[in-house]
Amino acid sequence: MSETADPEVSGQKLRLRSGIVYAFLAYLIYGSMPFYMKQLQAVPPSQIMAHRVLWSVFLLAIIVSVLGRWTSLRRTIDMRLVGLFGIHPAAPALS
C-alpha cells in the first residue's frame, strides 16, 4: 500500500521548520545585542537617531521601488500624517 504525500501536511512541516529557523535567528540576534550596544557607547544618541531615520527612509524607498508601489504610495500620503510621523521620531530625542 503506497501513501501519497498530503500537500497540506508538507506545507505545515515547512512552516514549522521555517518558524524554528526564524526563532533561532531571533534569539541569536537578541543574544548578540549587548555586544552591539557596547560598541555604540561612544556614539551620540542624536547620531544614532539620524542614522535610524535615514536608513529607514532609504530601505523603504528600495522596497517601494522593487514592488512598484510609488503611485499607490502617493495616493495614500496625507501631509498631516507626514508631519505627525516626522514629529514622532524626534520626541524621544528631545527628552
N, C-alpha and C. Protein backbone atom coordinates (compact mmCIF):
# COMPACT_ATOMS: atom_id res chain seq x y z
N MET A 1 0.83 -1.17 0.00
CA MET A 1 0.00 0.00 0.00
C MET A 1 0.88 1.24 0.00
N SER A 2 0.73 2.07 -0.99
CA SER A 2 1.56 3.28 -1.06
C SER A 2 0.78 4.48 -0.56
N GLU A 3 1.49 5.31 0.17
CA GLU A 3 0.86 6.52 0.68
C GLU A 3 1.30 7.70 -0.17
N THR A 4 0.36 8.56 -0.46
CA THR A 4 0.71 9.78 -1.19
C THR A 4 0.90 10.90 -0.18
N ALA A 5 1.82 11.76 -0.48
CA ALA A 5 2.12 12.87 0.43
C ALA A 5 0.97 13.88 0.38
N ASP A 6 0.51 14.24 1.55
CA ASP A 6 -0.55 15.23 1.66
C ASP A 6 0.09 16.61 1.57
N PRO A 7 -0.30 17.42 0.58
CA PRO A 7 0.34 18.73 0.43
C PRO A 7 0.12 19.64 1.63
N GLU A 8 -1.02 19.49 2.31
CA GLU A 8 -1.29 20.34 3.48
C GLU A 8 -0.33 20.01 4.62
N VAL A 9 -0.07 18.72 4.83
CA VAL A 9 0.84 18.30 5.89
C VAL A 9 2.27 18.74 5.58
N SER A 10 2.70 18.59 4.33
CA SER A 10 4.06 19.01 3.97
C SER A 10 4.19 20.52 4.07
N GLY A 11 3.14 21.27 3.78
CA GLY A 11 3.16 22.72 3.94
C GLY A 11 3.27 23.12 5.40
N GLN A 12 2.58 22.38 6.26
CA GLN A 12 2.65 22.66 7.70
C GLN A 12 4.06 22.35 8.23
N LYS A 13 4.64 21.27 7.75
CA LYS A 13 6.01 20.92 8.19
C LYS A 13 7.00 21.99 7.74
N LEU A 14 6.82 22.49 6.52
CA LEU A 14 7.70 23.53 6.02
C LEU A 14 7.56 24.80 6.84
N ARG A 15 6.32 25.19 7.17
CA ARG A 15 6.10 26.38 8.00
C ARG A 15 6.69 26.19 9.39
N LEU A 16 6.55 24.99 9.96
CA LEU A 16 7.11 24.71 11.27
C LEU A 16 8.63 24.80 11.24
N ARG A 17 9.23 24.21 10.21
CA ARG A 17 10.68 24.23 10.09
C ARG A 17 11.18 25.66 9.90
N SER A 18 10.53 26.45 9.06
CA SER A 18 10.96 27.83 8.87
C SER A 18 10.72 28.66 10.13
N GLY A 19 9.66 28.35 10.87
CA GLY A 19 9.42 29.04 12.13
C GLY A 19 10.51 28.77 13.15
N ILE A 20 11.00 27.56 13.19
CA ILE A 20 12.08 27.21 14.10
C ILE A 20 13.36 27.95 13.70
N VAL A 21 13.62 28.02 12.41
CA VAL A 21 14.81 28.76 11.94
C VAL A 21 14.69 30.24 12.30
N TYR A 22 13.51 30.83 12.08
CA TYR A 22 13.31 32.24 12.42
C TYR A 22 13.45 32.48 13.91
N ALA A 23 12.93 31.58 14.73
CA ALA A 23 13.05 31.71 16.18
C ALA A 23 14.52 31.65 16.59
N PHE A 24 15.26 30.72 16.02
CA PHE A 24 16.69 30.61 16.33
C PHE A 24 17.44 31.88 15.95
N LEU A 25 17.14 32.42 14.77
CA LEU A 25 17.79 33.66 14.34
C LEU A 25 17.42 34.83 15.25
N ALA A 26 16.17 34.89 15.68
CA ALA A 26 15.75 35.96 16.57
C ALA A 26 16.49 35.87 17.90
N TYR A 27 16.62 34.68 18.46
CA TYR A 27 17.36 34.51 19.71
C TYR A 27 18.85 34.84 19.52
N LEU A 28 19.40 34.49 18.37
CA LEU A 28 20.79 34.80 18.08
C LEU A 28 21.01 36.31 18.02
N ILE A 29 20.12 37.01 17.33
CA ILE A 29 20.23 38.47 17.24
C ILE A 29 20.04 39.09 18.62
N TYR A 30 19.03 38.63 19.35
CA TYR A 30 18.77 39.18 20.69
C TYR A 30 19.95 38.93 21.62
N GLY A 31 20.56 37.79 21.51
CA GLY A 31 21.70 37.45 22.36
C GLY A 31 22.94 38.24 22.04
N SER A 32 23.07 38.67 20.79
CA SER A 32 24.25 39.45 20.42
C SER A 32 24.06 40.95 20.62
N MET A 33 22.90 41.39 21.02
CA MET A 33 22.65 42.82 21.22
C MET A 33 23.57 43.47 22.25
N PRO A 34 23.91 42.84 23.37
CA PRO A 34 24.83 43.50 24.30
C PRO A 34 26.17 43.86 23.67
N PHE A 35 26.69 43.02 22.80
CA PHE A 35 27.96 43.32 22.12
C PHE A 35 27.80 44.53 21.20
N TYR A 36 26.67 44.59 20.52
CA TYR A 36 26.37 45.70 19.62
C TYR A 36 26.22 47.00 20.41
N MET A 37 25.49 46.96 21.51
CA MET A 37 25.27 48.15 22.33
C MET A 37 26.58 48.64 22.96
N LYS A 38 27.44 47.74 23.31
CA LYS A 38 28.74 48.11 23.88
C LYS A 38 29.53 48.93 22.87
N GLN A 39 29.45 48.57 21.60
CA GLN A 39 30.18 49.30 20.56
C GLN A 39 29.58 50.69 20.31
N LEU A 40 28.29 50.85 20.62
CA LEU A 40 27.62 52.12 20.36
C LEU A 40 27.74 53.13 21.51
N GLN A 41 28.41 52.78 22.58
CA GLN A 41 28.51 53.68 23.73
C GLN A 41 29.16 55.01 23.38
N ALA A 42 30.11 55.02 22.49
CA ALA A 42 30.84 56.24 22.15
C ALA A 42 30.09 57.13 21.16
N VAL A 43 29.01 56.62 20.56
CA VAL A 43 28.28 57.37 19.54
C VAL A 43 27.17 58.18 20.21
N PRO A 44 27.04 59.46 19.88
CA PRO A 44 25.98 60.28 20.46
C PRO A 44 24.59 59.79 20.04
N PRO A 45 23.61 59.87 20.95
CA PRO A 45 22.25 59.40 20.63
C PRO A 45 21.63 60.10 19.42
N SER A 46 21.93 61.38 19.23
CA SER A 46 21.36 62.10 18.09
C SER A 46 21.87 61.52 16.77
N GLN A 47 23.11 61.08 16.75
CA GLN A 47 23.66 60.48 15.53
C GLN A 47 23.01 59.12 15.27
N ILE A 48 22.75 58.37 16.31
CA ILE A 48 22.08 57.07 16.16
C ILE A 48 20.67 57.28 15.61
N MET A 49 19.95 58.26 16.16
CA MET A 49 18.59 58.55 15.69
C MET A 49 18.61 58.99 14.23
N ALA A 50 19.57 59.84 13.87
CA ALA A 50 19.65 60.30 12.49
C ALA A 50 19.91 59.13 11.54
N HIS A 51 20.81 58.24 11.93
CA HIS A 51 21.08 57.06 11.09
C HIS A 51 19.85 56.18 10.97
N ARG A 52 19.14 55.97 12.06
CA ARG A 52 17.94 55.13 12.01
C ARG A 52 16.91 55.70 11.06
N VAL A 53 16.69 57.01 11.13
CA VAL A 53 15.69 57.64 10.26
C VAL A 53 16.14 57.57 8.80
N LEU A 54 17.38 57.96 8.52
CA LEU A 54 17.85 57.99 7.14
C LEU A 54 17.89 56.59 6.52
N TRP A 55 18.37 55.60 7.26
CA TRP A 55 18.41 54.24 6.72
C TRP A 55 17.01 53.67 6.52
N SER A 56 16.09 54.02 7.41
CA SER A 56 14.70 53.56 7.24
C SER A 56 14.09 54.12 5.97
N VAL A 57 14.29 55.41 5.73
CA VAL A 57 13.76 56.03 4.51
C VAL A 57 14.41 55.41 3.28
N PHE A 58 15.71 55.19 3.33
CA PHE A 58 16.43 54.59 2.21
C PHE A 58 15.90 53.18 1.91
N LEU A 59 15.77 52.36 2.94
CA LEU A 59 15.28 50.98 2.73
C LEU A 59 13.83 50.96 2.29
N LEU A 60 13.01 51.88 2.81
CA LEU A 60 11.62 51.96 2.37
C LEU A 60 11.55 52.33 0.90
N ALA A 61 12.38 53.25 0.46
CA ALA A 61 12.41 53.64 -0.95
C ALA A 61 12.79 52.45 -1.84
N ILE A 62 13.74 51.65 -1.38
CA ILE A 62 14.13 50.46 -2.15
C ILE A 62 12.97 49.47 -2.23
N ILE A 63 12.32 49.23 -1.10
CA ILE A 63 11.21 48.27 -1.08
C ILE A 63 10.06 48.74 -1.97
N VAL A 64 9.71 50.02 -1.86
CA VAL A 64 8.62 50.57 -2.68
C VAL A 64 8.99 50.51 -4.16
N SER A 65 10.24 50.76 -4.48
CA SER A 65 10.68 50.69 -5.88
C SER A 65 10.62 49.26 -6.42
N VAL A 66 11.09 48.31 -5.62
CA VAL A 66 11.07 46.91 -6.07
C VAL A 66 9.64 46.44 -6.28
N LEU A 67 8.73 46.83 -5.37
CA LEU A 67 7.34 46.42 -5.50
C LEU A 67 6.56 47.25 -6.51
N GLY A 68 7.14 48.38 -6.94
CA GLY A 68 6.47 49.23 -7.92
C GLY A 68 5.22 49.89 -7.37
N ARG A 69 5.28 50.36 -6.13
CA ARG A 69 4.10 50.91 -5.46
C ARG A 69 4.16 52.43 -5.27
N TRP A 70 4.95 53.15 -6.06
CA TRP A 70 5.07 54.60 -5.86
C TRP A 70 3.74 55.31 -6.08
N THR A 71 2.98 54.90 -7.10
CA THR A 71 1.70 55.60 -7.36
C THR A 71 0.71 55.38 -6.22
N SER A 72 0.61 54.17 -5.73
CA SER A 72 -0.32 53.93 -4.61
C SER A 72 0.16 54.62 -3.35
N LEU A 73 1.48 54.75 -3.17
CA LEU A 73 2.00 55.46 -2.00
C LEU A 73 1.67 56.94 -2.09
N ARG A 74 1.82 57.52 -3.26
CA ARG A 74 1.49 58.95 -3.44
C ARG A 74 0.02 59.21 -3.18
N ARG A 75 -0.85 58.28 -3.59
CA ARG A 75 -2.29 58.46 -3.38
C ARG A 75 -2.65 58.40 -1.90
N THR A 76 -1.94 57.62 -1.13
CA THR A 76 -2.32 57.42 0.27
C THR A 76 -1.65 58.38 1.24
N ILE A 77 -0.66 59.13 0.78
CA ILE A 77 0.05 60.04 1.69
C ILE A 77 -0.82 61.25 1.99
N ASP A 78 -0.99 61.51 3.25
CA ASP A 78 -1.68 62.70 3.74
C ASP A 78 -0.62 63.55 4.43
N MET A 79 -0.46 64.79 4.02
CA MET A 79 0.63 65.63 4.53
C MET A 79 0.52 65.87 6.04
N ARG A 80 -0.68 65.85 6.59
CA ARG A 80 -0.81 65.98 8.05
C ARG A 80 -0.18 64.78 8.74
N LEU A 81 -0.39 63.60 8.18
CA LEU A 81 0.22 62.41 8.76
C LEU A 81 1.73 62.41 8.60
N VAL A 82 2.22 62.94 7.49
CA VAL A 82 3.66 63.03 7.30
C VAL A 82 4.27 63.90 8.38
N GLY A 83 3.63 65.02 8.69
CA GLY A 83 4.11 65.89 9.75
C GLY A 83 4.07 65.19 11.10
N LEU A 84 2.99 64.47 11.36
CA LEU A 84 2.87 63.73 12.62
C LEU A 84 3.94 62.66 12.74
N PHE A 85 4.17 61.94 11.65
CA PHE A 85 5.21 60.90 11.68
C PHE A 85 6.60 61.50 11.73
N GLY A 86 6.75 62.73 11.25
CA GLY A 86 8.05 63.40 11.36
C GLY A 86 8.34 63.84 12.78
N ILE A 87 7.30 64.21 13.52
CA ILE A 87 7.48 64.64 14.91
C ILE A 87 7.70 63.44 15.82
N HIS A 88 7.06 62.33 15.51
CA HIS A 88 7.12 61.15 16.39
C HIS A 88 8.55 60.67 16.67
N PRO A 89 9.42 60.49 15.67
CA PRO A 89 10.78 60.03 16.00
C PRO A 89 11.61 61.07 16.73
N ALA A 90 11.25 62.33 16.58
CA ALA A 90 12.02 63.39 17.23
C ALA A 90 11.68 63.48 18.73
N ALA A 91 10.53 63.01 19.14
CA ALA A 91 10.09 63.14 20.53
C ALA A 91 11.06 62.48 21.52
N PRO A 92 11.52 61.25 21.30
CA PRO A 92 12.48 60.67 22.26
C PRO A 92 13.81 61.41 22.29
N ALA A 93 14.20 61.98 21.17
CA ALA A 93 15.46 62.71 21.13
C ALA A 93 15.37 64.00 21.95
N LEU A 94 14.18 64.54 22.09
CA LEU A 94 14.00 65.78 22.84
C LEU A 94 13.95 65.56 24.35
N SER A 95 13.67 64.34 24.76
CA SER A 95 13.54 64.09 26.19
C SER A 95 14.86 63.85 26.88
